[in-house]
Amino acid sequence: SACGYEVCQLVGAKVEEAGWQRIKKLLPENA
């Protein structure tokens, strides 16, 4: 859901680096 949300916030199918940083906060080692 996080990956799908971030890619919908800009044009195209690429998530920007700031978006990946937000997504990675959900990974267990960052939780």
PDB file of all heavy atoms in Angstrom:
ATOM      1  N   SER A   1       0.826  -1.207   0.000  1.00  0.00           N
ATOM      2  CA  SER A   1       0.000   0.000   0.000  1.00  0.00           C
ATOM      3  C   SER A   1       0.861   1.258   0.000  1.00  0.00           C
ATOM      4  O   SER A   1       0.557   2.235  -0.690  1.00  0.00           O
ATOM      5  CB  SER A   1      -0.928   0.018   1.218  1.00  0.00           C
ATOM      6  OG  SER A   1      -1.910  -0.982   1.111  1.00  0.00           O
ATOM      7  N   ALA A   2       1.941   1.238   0.772  1.00  0.00           N
ATOM      8  CA  ALA A   2       2.829   2.400   0.831  1.00  0.00           C
ATOM      9  C   ALA A   2       3.480   2.654  -0.522  1.00  0.00           C
ATOM     10  O   ALA A   2       3.565   3.806  -0.980  1.00  0.00           O
ATOM     11  CB  ALA A   2       3.899   2.196   1.907  1.00  0.00           C
ATOM     12  N   CYS A   3       3.935   1.588  -1.173  1.00  0.00           N
ATOM     13  CA  CYS A   3       4.547   1.739  -2.497  1.00  0.00           C
ATOM     14  C   CYS A   3       3.524   2.252  -3.507  1.00  0.00           C
ATOM     15  O   CYS A   3       3.817   3.143  -4.314  1.00  0.00           O
ATOM     16  CB  CYS A   3       5.124   0.411  -2.967  1.00  0.00           C
ATOM     17  SG  CYS A   3       6.537  -0.184  -2.016  1.00  0.00           S
ATOM     18  N   GLY A   4       2.310   1.691  -3.466  1.00  0.00           N
ATOM     19  CA  GLY A   4       1.264   2.135  -4.383  1.00  0.00           C
ATOM     20  C   GLY A   4       0.860   3.574  -4.137  1.00  0.00           C
ATOM     21  O   GLY A   4       0.617   4.330  -5.082  1.00  0.00           O
ATOM     22  N   TYR A   5       0.791   3.966  -2.867  1.00  0.00           N
ATOM     23  CA  TYR A   5       0.424   5.345  -2.541  1.00  0.00           C
ATOM     24  C   TYR A   5       1.468   6.327  -3.050  1.00  0.00           C
ATOM     25  O   TYR A   5       1.131   7.340  -3.680  1.00  0.00           O
ATOM     26  CB  TYR A   5       0.274   5.503  -1.027  1.00  0.00           C
ATOM     27  CG  TYR A   5       0.151   6.949  -0.586  1.00  0.00           C
ATOM     28  CD1 TYR A   5      -1.052   7.635  -0.729  1.00  0.00           C
ATOM     29  CD2 TYR A   5       1.244   7.635  -0.060  1.00  0.00           C
ATOM     30  CE1 TYR A   5      -1.160   8.964  -0.354  1.00  0.00           C
ATOM     31  CE2 TYR A   5       1.140   8.966   0.322  1.00  0.00           C
ATOM     32  CZ  TYR A   5      -0.064   9.626   0.170  1.00  0.00           C
ATOM     33  OH  TYR A   5      -0.171  10.945   0.520  1.00  0.00           O
ATOM     34  N   GLU A   6       2.730   6.054  -2.782  1.00  0.00           N
ATOM     35  CA  GLU A   6       3.777   7.004  -3.154  1.00  0.00           C
ATOM     36  C   GLU A   6       3.844   7.205  -4.661  1.00  0.00           C
ATOM     37  O   GLU A   6       4.042   8.330  -5.130  1.00  0.00           O
ATOM     38  CB  GLU A   6       5.137   6.531  -2.623  1.00  0.00           C
ATOM     39  CG  GLU A   6       5.281   6.608  -1.113  1.00  0.00           C
ATOM     40  CD  GLU A   6       5.395   8.040  -0.584  1.00  0.00           C
ATOM     41  OE1 GLU A   6       5.526   8.982  -1.396  1.00  0.00           O
ATOM     42  OE2 GLU A   6       5.355   8.203   0.651  1.00  0.00           O
ATOM     43  N   VAL A   7       3.659   6.143  -5.439  1.00  0.00           N
ATOM     44  CA  VAL A   7       3.770   6.297  -6.888  1.00  0.00           C
ATOM     45  C   VAL A   7       2.585   7.070  -7.459  1.00  0.00           C
ATOM     46  O   VAL A   7       2.680   7.659  -8.544  1.00  0.00           O
ATOM     47  CB  VAL A   7       3.935   4.923  -7.577  1.00  0.00           C
ATOM     48  CG1 VAL A   7       2.594   4.199  -7.725  1.00  0.00           C
ATOM     49  CG2 VAL A   7       4.607   5.081  -8.945  1.00  0.00           C
ATOM     50  N   CYS A   8       1.476   7.103  -6.732  1.00  0.00           N
ATOM     51  CA  CYS A   8       0.297   7.852  -7.187  1.00  0.00           C
ATOM     52  C   CYS A   8       0.406   9.356  -6.920  1.00  0.00           C
ATOM     53  O   CYS A   8      -0.448  10.127  -7.366  1.00  0.00           O
ATOM     54  CB  CYS A   8      -0.974   7.326  -6.512  1.00  0.00           C
ATOM     55  SG  CYS A   8      -1.542   5.745  -7.136  1.00  0.00           S
ATOM     56  N   GLN A   9       1.446   9.758  -6.209  1.00  0.00           N
ATOM     57  CA  GLN A   9       1.577  11.173  -5.859  1.00  0.00           C
ATOM     58  C   GLN A   9       2.414  11.953  -6.868  1.00  0.00           C
ATOM     59  O   GLN A   9       2.709  13.130  -6.666  1.00  0.00           O
ATOM     60  CB  GLN A   9       2.192  11.315  -4.461  1.00  0.00           C
ATOM     61  CG  GLN A   9       1.416  10.583  -3.376  1.00  0.00           C
ATOM     62  CD  GLN A   9      -0.083  10.842  -3.437  1.00  0.00           C
ATOM     63  OE1 GLN A   9      -0.518  11.995  -3.378  1.00  0.00           O
ATOM     64  NE2 GLN A   9      -0.867   9.780  -3.548  1.00  0.00           N
ATOM     65  N   LEU A  10       2.788  11.300  -7.963  1.00  0.00           N
ATOM     66  CA  LEU A  10       3.530  11.972  -9.021  1.00  0.00           C
ATOM     67  C   LEU A  10       3.195  11.309 -10.351  1.00  0.00           C
ATOM     68  O   LEU A  10       2.593  10.241 -10.397  1.00  0.00           O
ATOM     69  CB  LEU A  10       5.029  11.922  -8.753  1.00  0.00           C
ATOM     70  CG  LEU A  10       5.751  10.580  -8.877  1.00  0.00           C
ATOM     71  CD1 LEU A  10       7.257  10.811  -8.792  1.00  0.00           C
ATOM     72  CD2 LEU A  10       5.339   9.587  -7.811  1.00  0.00           C
ATOM     73  N   VAL A  11       3.551  11.968 -11.441  1.00  0.00           N
ATOM     74  CA  VAL A  11       3.281  11.433 -12.769  1.00  0.00           C
ATOM     75  C   VAL A  11       4.325  10.379 -13.110  1.00  0.00           C
ATOM     76  O   VAL A  11       5.525  10.597 -12.940  1.00  0.00           O
ATOM     77  CB  VAL A  11       3.288  12.553 -13.827  1.00  0.00           C
ATOM     78  CG1 VAL A  11       3.138  11.966 -15.228  1.00  0.00           C
ATOM     79  CG2 VAL A  11       2.162  13.544 -13.552  1.00  0.00           C
ATOM     80  N   GLY A  12       3.851   9.227 -13.581  1.00  0.00           N
ATOM     81  CA  GLY A  12       4.759   8.155 -13.973  1.00  0.00           C
ATOM     82  C   GLY A  12       4.841   7.072 -12.925  1.00  0.00           C
ATOM     83  O   GLY A  12       4.214   7.138 -11.864  1.00  0.00           O
ATOM     84  N   ALA A  13       5.637   6.040 -13.230  1.00  0.00           N
ATOM     85  CA  ALA A  13       5.713   4.860 -12.371  1.00  0.00           C
ATOM     86  C   ALA A  13       6.972   4.815 -11.531  1.00  0.00           C
ATOM     87  O   ALA A  13       7.370   3.756 -11.051  1.00  0.00           O
ATOM     88  CB  ALA A  13       5.627   3.597 -13.232  1.00  0.00           C
ATOM     89  N   LYS A  14       7.627   5.943 -11.350  1.00  0.00           N
ATOM     90  CA  LYS A  14       8.854   5.998 -10.564  1.00  0.00           C
ATOM     91  C   LYS A  14       8.598   6.757  -9.258  1.00  0.00           C
ATOM     92  O   LYS A  14       8.060   7.861  -9.268  1.00  0.00           O
ATOM     93  CB  LYS A  14       9.966   6.702 -11.344  1.00  0.00           C
ATOM     94  CG  LYS A  14      10.394   5.969 -12.622  1.00  0.00           C
ATOM     95  CD  LYS A  14      11.138   4.694 -12.299  1.00  0.00           C
ATOM     96  CE  LYS A  14      11.760   4.067 -13.544  1.00  0.00           C
ATOM     97  NZ  LYS A  14      10.787   3.535 -14.504  1.00  0.00           N
ATOM     98  N   VAL A  15       8.986   6.159  -8.141  1.00  0.00           N
ATOM     99  CA  VAL A  15       8.896   6.811  -6.841  1.00  0.00           C
ATOM    100  C   VAL A  15      10.183   7.596  -6.604  1.00  0.00           C
ATOM    101  O   VAL A  15      11.283   7.081  -6.836  1.00  0.00           O
ATOM    102  CB  VAL A  15       8.705   5.768  -5.718  1.00  0.00           C
ATOM    103  CG1 VAL A  15       8.716   6.437  -4.342  1.00  0.00           C
ATOM    104  CG2 VAL A  15       7.398   5.000  -5.930  1.00  0.00           C
ATOM    105  N   GLU A  16      10.048   8.825  -6.152  1.00  0.00           N
ATOM    106  CA  GLU A  16      11.234   9.638  -5.882  1.00  0.00           C
ATOM    107  C   GLU A  16      11.939   9.155  -4.610  1.00  0.00           C
ATOM    108  O   GLU A  16      11.349   8.458  -3.780  1.00  0.00           O
ATOM    109  CB  GLU A  16      10.840  11.109  -5.745  1.00  0.00           C
ATOM    110  CG  GLU A  16      10.278  11.698  -7.043  1.00  0.00           C
ATOM    111  CD  GLU A  16       9.807  13.127  -6.886  1.00  0.00           C
ATOM    112  OE1 GLU A  16       9.548  13.536  -5.732  1.00  0.00           O
ATOM    113  OE2 GLU A  16       9.704  13.824  -7.908  1.00  0.00           O
ATOM    114  N   GLU A  17      13.205   9.554  -4.434  1.00  0.00           N
ATOM    115  CA  GLU A  17      14.005   9.076  -3.309  1.00  0.00           C
ATOM    116  C   GLU A  17      13.349   9.396  -1.977  1.00  0.00           C
ATOM    117  O   GLU A  17      13.368   8.574  -1.046  1.00  0.00           O
ATOM    118  CB  GLU A  17      15.414   9.676  -3.373  1.00  0.00           C
ATOM    119  CG  GLU A  17      16.337   9.195  -2.268  1.00  0.00           C
ATOM    120  CD  GLU A  17      16.484   7.676  -2.210  1.00  0.00           C
ATOM    121  OE1 GLU A  17      16.388   7.011  -3.273  1.00  0.00           O
ATOM    122  OE2 GLU A  17      16.670   7.151  -1.088  1.00  0.00           O
ATOM    123  N   ALA A  18      12.757  10.595  -1.853  1.00  0.00           N
ATOM    124  CA  ALA A  18      12.097  10.948  -0.588  1.00  0.00           C
ATOM    125  C   ALA A  18      10.956   9.984  -0.296  1.00  0.00           C
ATOM    126  O   ALA A  18      10.707   9.623   0.866  1.00  0.00           O
ATOM    127  CB  ALA A  18      11.576  12.381  -0.651  1.00  0.00           C
ATOM    128  N   GLY A  19      10.265   9.555  -1.337  1.00  0.00           N
ATOM    129  CA  GLY A  19       9.194   8.584  -1.167  1.00  0.00           C
ATOM    130  C   GLY A  19       9.720   7.245  -0.694  1.00  0.00           C
ATOM    131  O   GLY A  19       9.136   6.603   0.202  1.00  0.00           O
ATOM    132  N   TRP A  20      10.849   6.797  -1.273  1.00  0.00           N
ATOM    133  CA  TRP A  20      11.432   5.526  -0.829  1.00  0.00           C
ATOM    134  C   TRP A  20      11.888   5.610   0.619  1.00  0.00           C
ATOM    135  O   TRP A  20      11.775   4.621   1.369  1.00  0.00           O
ATOM    136  CB  TRP A  20      12.601   5.126  -1.731  1.00  0.00           C
ATOM    137  CG  TRP A  20      12.166   4.598  -3.057  1.00  0.00           C
ATOM    138  CD1 TRP A  20      12.435   5.102  -4.290  1.00  0.00           C
ATOM    139  CD2 TRP A  20      11.332   3.448  -3.285  1.00  0.00           C
ATOM    140  NE1 TRP A  20      11.837   4.357  -5.273  1.00  0.00           N
ATOM    141  CE2 TRP A  20      11.156   3.329  -4.681  1.00  0.00           C
ATOM    142  CE3 TRP A  20      10.726   2.507  -2.453  1.00  0.00           C
ATOM    143  CZ2 TRP A  20      10.396   2.310  -5.248  1.00  0.00           C
ATOM    144  CZ3 TRP A  20       9.962   1.499  -3.016  1.00  0.00           C
ATOM    145  CH2 TRP A  20       9.805   1.406  -4.400  1.00  0.00           C
ATOM    146  N   GLN A  21      12.372   6.743   1.041  1.00  0.00           N
ATOM    147  CA  GLN A  21      12.783   6.888   2.431  1.00  0.00           C
ATOM    148  C   GLN A  21      11.580   6.764   3.370  1.00  0.00           C
ATOM    149  O   GLN A  21      11.677   6.153   4.437  1.00  0.00           O
ATOM    150  CB  GLN A  21      13.495   8.226   2.644  1.00  0.00           C
ATOM    151  CG  GLN A  21      14.842   8.328   1.944  1.00  0.00           C
ATOM    152  CD  GLN A  21      15.787   7.198   2.306  1.00  0.00           C
ATOM    153  OE1 GLN A  21      15.918   6.831   3.481  1.00  0.00           O
ATOM    154  NE2 GLN A  21      16.437   6.619   1.307  1.00  0.00           N
ATOM    155  N   ARG A  22      10.447   7.319   2.963  1.00  0.00           N
ATOM    156  CA  ARG A  22       9.230   7.172   3.784  1.00  0.00           C
ATOM    157  C   ARG A  22       8.781   5.711   3.812  1.00  0.00           C
ATOM    158  O   ARG A  22       8.376   5.194   4.868  1.00  0.00           O
ATOM    159  CB  ARG A  22       8.117   8.069   3.232  1.00  0.00           C
ATOM    160  CG  ARG A  22       8.340   9.553   3.471  1.00  0.00           C
ATOM    161  CD  ARG A  22       7.114  10.363   3.105  1.00  0.00           C
ATOM    162  NE  ARG A  22       6.871  10.404   1.668  1.00  0.00           N
ATOM    163  CZ  ARG A  22       7.376  11.316   0.846  1.00  0.00           C
ATOM    164  NH1 ARG A  22       8.155  12.283   1.320  1.00  0.00           N
ATOM    165  NH2 ARG A  22       7.093  11.302  -0.444  1.00  0.00           N
ATOM    166  N   ILE A  23       8.840   5.055   2.663  1.00  0.00           N
ATOM    167  CA  ILE A  23       8.424   3.649   2.595  1.00  0.00           C
ATOM    168  C   ILE A  23       9.315   2.781   3.474  1.00  0.00           C
ATOM    169  O   ILE A  23       8.830   1.910   4.218  1.00  0.00           O
ATOM    170  CB  ILE A  23       8.479   3.149   1.132  1.00  0.00           C
ATOM    171  CG1 ILE A  23       7.385   3.831   0.295  1.00  0.00           C
ATOM    172  CG2 ILE A  23       8.315   1.629   1.080  1.00  0.00           C
ATOM    173  CD1 ILE A  23       7.561   3.644  -1.205  1.00  0.00           C
ATOM    174  N   LYS A  24      10.603   3.008   3.432  1.00  0.00           N
ATOM    175  CA  LYS A  24      11.547   2.158   4.164  1.00  0.00           C
ATOM    176  C   LYS A  24      11.406   2.262   5.670  1.00  0.00           C
ATOM    177  O   LYS A  24      11.854   1.378   6.409  1.00  0.00           O
ATOM    178  CB  LYS A  24      12.972   2.471   3.728  1.00  0.00           C
ATOM    179  CG  LYS A  24      13.280   1.963   2.317  1.00  0.00           C
ATOM    180  CD  LYS A  24      14.694   2.326   1.865  1.00  0.00           C
ATOM    181  CE  LYS A  24      14.954   1.811   0.459  1.00  0.00           C
ATOM    182  NZ  LYS A  24      16.306   2.165  -0.028  1.00  0.00           N
ATOM    183  N   LYS A  25      10.751   3.328   6.131  1.00  0.00           N
ATOM    184  CA  LYS A  25      10.501   3.439   7.579  1.00  0.00           C
ATOM    185  C   LYS A  25       9.539   2.343   8.053  1.00  0.00           C
ATOM    186  O   LYS A  25       9.439   2.095   9.251  1.00  0.00           O
ATOM    187  CB  LYS A  25       9.928   4.821   7.893  1.00  0.00           C
ATOM    188  CG  LYS A  25      10.955   5.941   7.758  1.00  0.00           C
ATOM    189  CD  LYS A  25      10.349   7.296   8.084  1.00  0.00           C
ATOM    190  CE  LYS A  25      11.371   8.403   7.920  1.00  0.00           C
ATOM    191  NZ  LYS A  25      10.784   9.740   8.192  1.00  0.00           N
ATOM    192  N   LEU A  26       8.811   1.725   7.103  1.00  0.00           N
ATOM    193  CA  LEU A  26       7.887   0.656   7.452  1.00  0.00           C
ATOM    194  C   LEU A  26       8.576  -0.694   7.586  1.00  0.00           C
ATOM    195  O   LEU A  26       7.981  -1.657   8.077  1.00  0.00           O
ATOM    196  CB  LEU A  26       6.784   0.543   6.382  1.00  0.00           C
ATOM    197  CG  LEU A  26       5.884   1.762   6.192  1.00  0.00           C
ATOM    198  CD1 LEU A  26       4.911   1.516   5.054  1.00  0.00           C
ATOM    199  CD2 LEU A  26       5.126   2.078   7.477  1.00  0.00           C
ATOM    200  N   LEU A  27       9.830  -0.800   7.095  1.00  0.00           N
ATOM    201  CA  LEU A  27      10.536  -2.072   7.180  1.00  0.00           C
ATOM    202  C   LEU A  27      10.848  -2.402   8.645  1.00  0.00           C
ATOM    203  O   LEU A  27      11.122  -1.502   9.443  1.00  0.00           O
ATOM    204  CB  LEU A  27      11.825  -2.013   6.368  1.00  0.00           C
ATOM    205  CG  LEU A  27      11.658  -1.685   4.876  1.00  0.00           C
ATOM    206  CD1 LEU A  27      13.007  -1.725   4.168  1.00  0.00           C
ATOM    207  CD2 LEU A  27      10.680  -2.629   4.212  1.00  0.00           C
ATOM    208  N   PRO A  28      10.782  -3.665   9.029  1.00  0.00           N
ATOM    209  CA  PRO A  28      10.911  -4.045  10.444  1.00  0.00           C
ATOM    210  C   PRO A  28      12.149  -3.488  11.127  1.00  0.00           C
ATOM    211  O   PRO A  28      12.094  -3.068  12.284  1.00  0.00           O
ATOM    212  CB  PRO A  28      10.966  -5.574  10.374  1.00  0.00           C
ATOM    213  CG  PRO A  28      10.137  -5.908   9.185  1.00  0.00           C
ATOM    214  CD  PRO A  28      10.453  -4.822   8.189  1.00  0.00           C
ATOM    215  N   GLU A  29      13.292  -3.449  10.419  1.00  0.00           N
ATOM    216  CA  GLU A  29      14.505  -2.964  11.077  1.00  0.00           C
ATOM    217  C   GLU A  29      14.451  -1.465  11.384  1.00  0.00           C
ATOM    218  O   GLU A  29      15.233  -0.944  12.183  1.00  0.00           O
ATOM    219  CB  GLU A  29      15.741  -3.256  10.213  1.00  0.00           C
ATOM    220  CG  GLU A  29      15.694  -2.652   8.823  1.00  0.00           C
ATOM    221  CD  GLU A  29      15.135  -3.600   7.792  1.00  0.00           C
ATOM    222  OE1 GLU A  29      14.318  -4.475   8.178  1.00  0.00           O
ATOM    223  OE2 GLU A  29      15.533  -3.513   6.625  1.00  0.00           O
ATOM    224  N   ASN A  30      13.483  -0.769  10.733  1.00  0.00           N
ATOM    225  CA  ASN A  30      13.327   0.661  10.983  1.00  0.00           C
ATOM    226  C   ASN A  30      12.114   0.977  11.848  1.00  0.00           C
ATOM    227  O   ASN A  30      11.848   2.141  12.148  1.00  0.00           O
ATOM    228  CB  ASN A  30      13.203   1.418   9.660  1.00  0.00           C
ATOM    229  CG  ASN A  30      14.468   1.299   8.838  1.00  0.00           C
ATOM    230  OD1 ASN A  30      15.564   1.411   9.364  1.00  0.00           O
ATOM    231  ND2 ASN A  30      14.330   1.056   7.551  1.00  0.00           N
ATOM    232  N   ALA A  31      11.370  -0.058  12.182  1.00  0.00           N
ATOM    233  CA  ALA A  31      10.133   0.162  12.936  1.00  0.00           C
ATOM    234  C   ALA A  31      10.414   0.484  14.395  1.00  0.00           C
ATOM    235  O   ALA A  31      11.441   0.112  14.943  1.00  0.00           O
ATOM    236  CB  ALA A  31       9.240  -1.070  12.812  1.00  0.00           C
TER     237      ALA A  31
END
